[in-house]
Amino acid sequence: MIEYIGFVAASLTTLSFLPQTIQIIKTRDTKSISLVMYIMFVSGVALWLTYGMYKGDKPLIFANTITLILSSIILVFKLNEVFGKK
């Protein structure tokens, strides 16, 4: 039962990135997001994924794999905006 709760929580928090990712892909507008925050966030998510894999925690692995993909897409768009590659 507790793992089910973990998967539901992971799904909700992970899927919250989907609308923002879609919006940024469509508009290519990342001016209002912080580069430093996204670098820190993507790094933290990568570490959580590593931790989840080490512990064998399926909800952590599930959530952080998807979150890492979605937030990395946003980070790439932000880096392109900051460094002039459009």
N, C-alpha and C. Protein backbone atom coordinates (compact mmCIF):
# COMPACT_ATOMS: atom_id res chain seq x y z
N MET A 1 0.82 -1.20 0.00
CA MET A 1 0.00 0.00 0.00
C MET A 1 0.86 1.26 0.00
N ILE A 2 1.93 1.27 0.78
CA ILE A 2 2.77 2.46 0.87
C ILE A 2 3.47 2.74 -0.47
N GLU A 3 3.83 1.68 -1.20
CA GLU A 3 4.44 1.87 -2.51
C GLU A 3 3.44 2.48 -3.49
N TYR A 4 2.17 2.09 -3.39
CA TYR A 4 1.12 2.66 -4.23
C TYR A 4 1.00 4.17 -3.96
N ILE A 5 1.01 4.55 -2.70
CA ILE A 5 0.97 5.98 -2.35
C ILE A 5 2.18 6.69 -2.94
N GLY A 6 3.33 6.06 -2.87
CA GLY A 6 4.55 6.63 -3.46
C GLY A 6 4.42 6.84 -4.95
N PHE A 7 3.84 5.87 -5.65
CA PHE A 7 3.66 6.00 -7.10
C PHE A 7 2.66 7.10 -7.44
N VAL A 8 1.59 7.23 -6.67
CA VAL A 8 0.62 8.30 -6.92
C VAL A 8 1.26 9.66 -6.69
N ALA A 9 1.98 9.80 -5.58
CA ALA A 9 2.67 11.06 -5.29
C ALA A 9 3.70 11.37 -6.37
N ALA A 10 4.46 10.37 -6.76
CA ALA A 10 5.48 10.55 -7.79
C ALA A 10 4.85 10.96 -9.11
N SER A 11 3.74 10.35 -9.45
CA SER A 11 3.06 10.68 -10.71
C SER A 11 2.57 12.12 -10.71
N LEU A 12 1.96 12.55 -9.62
CA LEU A 12 1.44 13.91 -9.55
C LEU A 12 2.55 14.95 -9.63
N THR A 13 3.60 14.78 -8.86
CA THR A 13 4.67 15.77 -8.87
C THR A 13 5.45 15.74 -10.18
N THR A 14 5.62 14.57 -10.74
CA THR A 14 6.35 14.45 -12.00
C THR A 14 5.55 15.03 -13.16
N LEU A 15 4.29 14.69 -13.24
CA LEU A 15 3.47 15.17 -14.35
C LEU A 15 3.22 16.68 -14.28
N SER A 16 3.47 17.28 -13.13
CA SER A 16 3.31 18.74 -13.04
C SER A 16 4.31 19.46 -13.94
N PHE A 17 5.38 18.81 -14.33
CA PHE A 17 6.36 19.41 -15.24
C PHE A 17 5.92 19.36 -16.70
N LEU A 18 4.99 18.49 -17.03
CA LEU A 18 4.59 18.30 -18.42
C LEU A 18 4.02 19.56 -19.06
N PRO A 19 3.07 20.27 -18.43
CA PRO A 19 2.55 21.49 -19.07
C PRO A 19 3.63 22.54 -19.34
N GLN A 20 4.55 22.71 -18.39
CA GLN A 20 5.62 23.70 -18.58
C GLN A 20 6.55 23.28 -19.71
N THR A 21 6.88 22.01 -19.77
CA THR A 21 7.75 21.51 -20.83
C THR A 21 7.10 21.71 -22.20
N ILE A 22 5.83 21.36 -22.31
CA ILE A 22 5.11 21.54 -23.57
C ILE A 22 5.07 23.01 -23.96
N GLN A 23 4.77 23.88 -22.99
CA GLN A 23 4.72 25.32 -23.25
C GLN A 23 6.06 25.84 -23.76
N ILE A 24 7.14 25.42 -23.16
CA ILE A 24 8.47 25.89 -23.58
C ILE A 24 8.83 25.33 -24.95
N ILE A 25 8.49 24.10 -25.22
CA ILE A 25 8.76 23.54 -26.55
C ILE A 25 7.98 24.32 -27.62
N LYS A 26 6.73 24.65 -27.33
CA LYS A 26 5.89 25.39 -28.30
C LYS A 26 6.39 26.82 -28.51
N THR A 27 6.67 27.52 -27.41
CA THR A 27 6.98 28.95 -27.51
C THR A 27 8.47 29.25 -27.57
N ARG A 28 9.28 28.31 -27.10
CA ARG A 28 10.72 28.50 -26.97
C ARG A 28 11.06 29.71 -26.07
N ASP A 29 10.14 30.06 -25.19
CA ASP A 29 10.32 31.21 -24.30
C ASP A 29 10.71 30.73 -22.91
N THR A 30 11.96 31.01 -22.54
CA THR A 30 12.46 30.63 -21.21
C THR A 30 12.95 31.83 -20.42
N LYS A 31 12.61 33.04 -20.88
CA LYS A 31 13.12 34.25 -20.23
C LYS A 31 12.75 34.34 -18.76
N SER A 32 11.58 33.83 -18.40
CA SER A 32 11.10 34.01 -17.03
C SER A 32 11.56 32.92 -16.07
N ILE A 33 12.39 31.99 -16.51
CA ILE A 33 12.86 30.96 -15.59
C ILE A 33 14.36 31.17 -15.31
N SER A 34 14.76 30.76 -14.15
CA SER A 34 16.13 30.96 -13.69
C SER A 34 17.05 29.82 -14.16
N LEU A 35 18.13 30.18 -14.82
CA LEU A 35 19.12 29.19 -15.26
C LEU A 35 19.75 28.48 -14.06
N VAL A 36 20.14 29.24 -13.05
CA VAL A 36 20.78 28.64 -11.88
C VAL A 36 19.83 27.67 -11.19
N MET A 37 18.58 28.05 -11.06
CA MET A 37 17.60 27.16 -10.42
C MET A 37 17.48 25.86 -11.20
N TYR A 38 17.39 25.94 -12.53
CA TYR A 38 17.23 24.71 -13.32
C TYR A 38 18.49 23.85 -13.31
N ILE A 39 19.65 24.46 -13.28
CA ILE A 39 20.89 23.67 -13.15
C ILE A 39 20.89 22.93 -11.81
N MET A 40 20.54 23.66 -10.76
CA MET A 40 20.49 23.03 -9.43
C MET A 40 19.42 21.95 -9.37
N PHE A 41 18.26 22.22 -9.96
CA PHE A 41 17.15 21.27 -9.91
C PHE A 41 17.49 19.99 -10.67
N VAL A 42 17.99 20.13 -11.89
CA VAL A 42 18.34 18.95 -12.69
C VAL A 42 19.43 18.14 -11.99
N SER A 43 20.39 18.82 -11.40
CA SER A 43 21.44 18.11 -10.65
C SER A 43 20.86 17.36 -9.47
N GLY A 44 19.96 18.00 -8.74
CA GLY A 44 19.31 17.36 -7.60
C GLY A 44 18.48 16.16 -8.01
N VAL A 45 17.74 16.29 -9.09
CA VAL A 45 16.93 15.18 -9.58
C VAL A 45 17.82 14.01 -10.00
N ALA A 46 18.94 14.32 -10.66
CA ALA A 46 19.87 13.26 -11.05
C ALA A 46 20.41 12.53 -9.81
N LEU A 47 20.68 13.27 -8.77
CA LEU A 47 21.16 12.65 -7.53
C LEU A 47 20.05 11.82 -6.86
N TRP A 48 18.81 12.32 -6.87
CA TRP A 48 17.70 11.54 -6.32
C TRP A 48 17.50 10.25 -7.10
N LEU A 49 17.66 10.33 -8.42
CA LEU A 49 17.55 9.13 -9.24
C LEU A 49 18.65 8.13 -8.87
N THR A 50 19.86 8.61 -8.72
CA THR A 50 20.97 7.76 -8.32
C THR A 50 20.68 7.10 -6.96
N TYR A 51 20.20 7.90 -6.02
CA TYR A 51 19.84 7.40 -4.70
C TYR A 51 18.75 6.34 -4.80
N GLY A 52 17.70 6.63 -5.58
CA GLY A 52 16.60 5.68 -5.75
C GLY A 52 17.06 4.37 -6.36
N MET A 53 17.96 4.47 -7.33
CA MET A 53 18.49 3.25 -7.96
C MET A 53 19.31 2.45 -6.96
N TYR A 54 20.11 3.14 -6.17
CA TYR A 54 20.93 2.47 -5.16
C TYR A 54 20.05 1.75 -4.14
N LYS A 55 18.95 2.41 -3.74
CA LYS A 55 18.05 1.84 -2.74
C LYS A 55 17.05 0.86 -3.34
N GLY A 56 16.93 0.84 -4.67
CA GLY A 56 15.94 -0.01 -5.31
C GLY A 56 14.52 0.48 -5.08
N ASP A 57 14.34 1.78 -4.90
CA ASP A 57 13.05 2.38 -4.59
C ASP A 57 12.33 2.72 -5.90
N LYS A 58 11.36 1.90 -6.27
CA LYS A 58 10.69 2.04 -7.57
C LYS A 58 9.99 3.39 -7.75
N PRO A 59 9.24 3.90 -6.76
CA PRO A 59 8.63 5.21 -6.96
C PRO A 59 9.66 6.32 -7.19
N LEU A 60 10.76 6.28 -6.46
CA LEU A 60 11.82 7.28 -6.66
C LEU A 60 12.44 7.16 -8.05
N ILE A 61 12.68 5.96 -8.48
CA ILE A 61 13.26 5.73 -9.81
C ILE A 61 12.30 6.22 -10.89
N PHE A 62 11.03 5.82 -10.79
CA PHE A 62 10.01 6.21 -11.75
C PHE A 62 9.90 7.74 -11.85
N ALA A 63 9.69 8.37 -10.71
CA ALA A 63 9.47 9.82 -10.69
C ALA A 63 10.68 10.58 -11.19
N ASN A 64 11.83 10.22 -10.70
CA ASN A 64 13.02 11.00 -11.04
C ASN A 64 13.52 10.75 -12.45
N THR A 65 13.25 9.60 -13.02
CA THR A 65 13.61 9.38 -14.42
C THR A 65 12.81 10.31 -15.32
N ILE A 66 11.51 10.35 -15.11
CA ILE A 66 10.65 11.20 -15.94
C ILE A 66 10.92 12.67 -15.66
N THR A 67 11.05 13.04 -14.39
CA THR A 67 11.33 14.43 -14.05
C THR A 67 12.67 14.87 -14.63
N LEU A 68 13.66 14.00 -14.60
CA LEU A 68 14.96 14.35 -15.17
C LEU A 68 14.85 14.62 -16.67
N ILE A 69 14.08 13.81 -17.37
CA ILE A 69 13.90 14.02 -18.81
C ILE A 69 13.20 15.35 -19.07
N LEU A 70 12.07 15.59 -18.39
CA LEU A 70 11.30 16.81 -18.62
C LEU A 70 12.07 18.07 -18.22
N SER A 71 12.70 18.04 -17.06
CA SER A 71 13.44 19.23 -16.62
C SER A 71 14.70 19.44 -17.43
N SER A 72 15.30 18.38 -17.94
CA SER A 72 16.47 18.53 -18.81
C SER A 72 16.10 19.19 -20.14
N ILE A 73 14.92 18.86 -20.65
CA ILE A 73 14.45 19.51 -21.87
C ILE A 73 14.33 21.02 -21.63
N ILE A 74 13.72 21.39 -20.51
CA ILE A 74 13.59 22.81 -20.18
C ILE A 74 14.97 23.45 -20.03
N LEU A 75 15.89 22.76 -19.36
CA LEU A 75 17.24 23.29 -19.18
C LEU A 75 17.95 23.50 -20.51
N VAL A 76 17.81 22.57 -21.43
CA VAL A 76 18.45 22.71 -22.75
C VAL A 76 17.90 23.94 -23.47
N PHE A 77 16.58 24.13 -23.43
CA PHE A 77 15.99 25.32 -24.05
C PHE A 77 16.51 26.59 -23.37
N LYS A 78 16.63 26.57 -22.05
CA LYS A 78 17.13 27.74 -21.32
C LYS A 78 18.59 28.01 -21.68
N LEU A 79 19.41 26.97 -21.73
CA LEU A 79 20.81 27.15 -22.11
C LEU A 79 20.92 27.71 -23.53
N ASN A 80 20.09 27.23 -24.44
CA ASN A 80 20.08 27.76 -25.80
C ASN A 80 19.70 29.23 -25.83
N GLU A 81 18.73 29.60 -24.98
CA GLU A 81 18.31 31.00 -24.90
C GLU A 81 19.43 31.87 -24.34
N VAL A 82 20.09 31.41 -23.29
CA VAL A 82 21.14 32.20 -22.64
C VAL A 82 22.37 32.33 -23.52
N PHE A 83 22.75 31.27 -24.18
CA PHE A 83 23.97 31.28 -24.97
C PHE A 83 23.75 31.54 -26.46
N GLY A 84 22.54 31.94 -26.83
CA GLY A 84 22.27 32.44 -28.16
C GLY A 84 22.02 31.44 -29.26
N LYS A 85 21.85 30.17 -28.93
CA LYS A 85 21.57 29.17 -29.96
C LYS A 85 20.07 29.00 -30.05
N LYS A 86 19.48 29.48 -31.14
CA LYS A 86 18.03 29.41 -31.27
C LYS A 86 17.62 28.58 -32.43
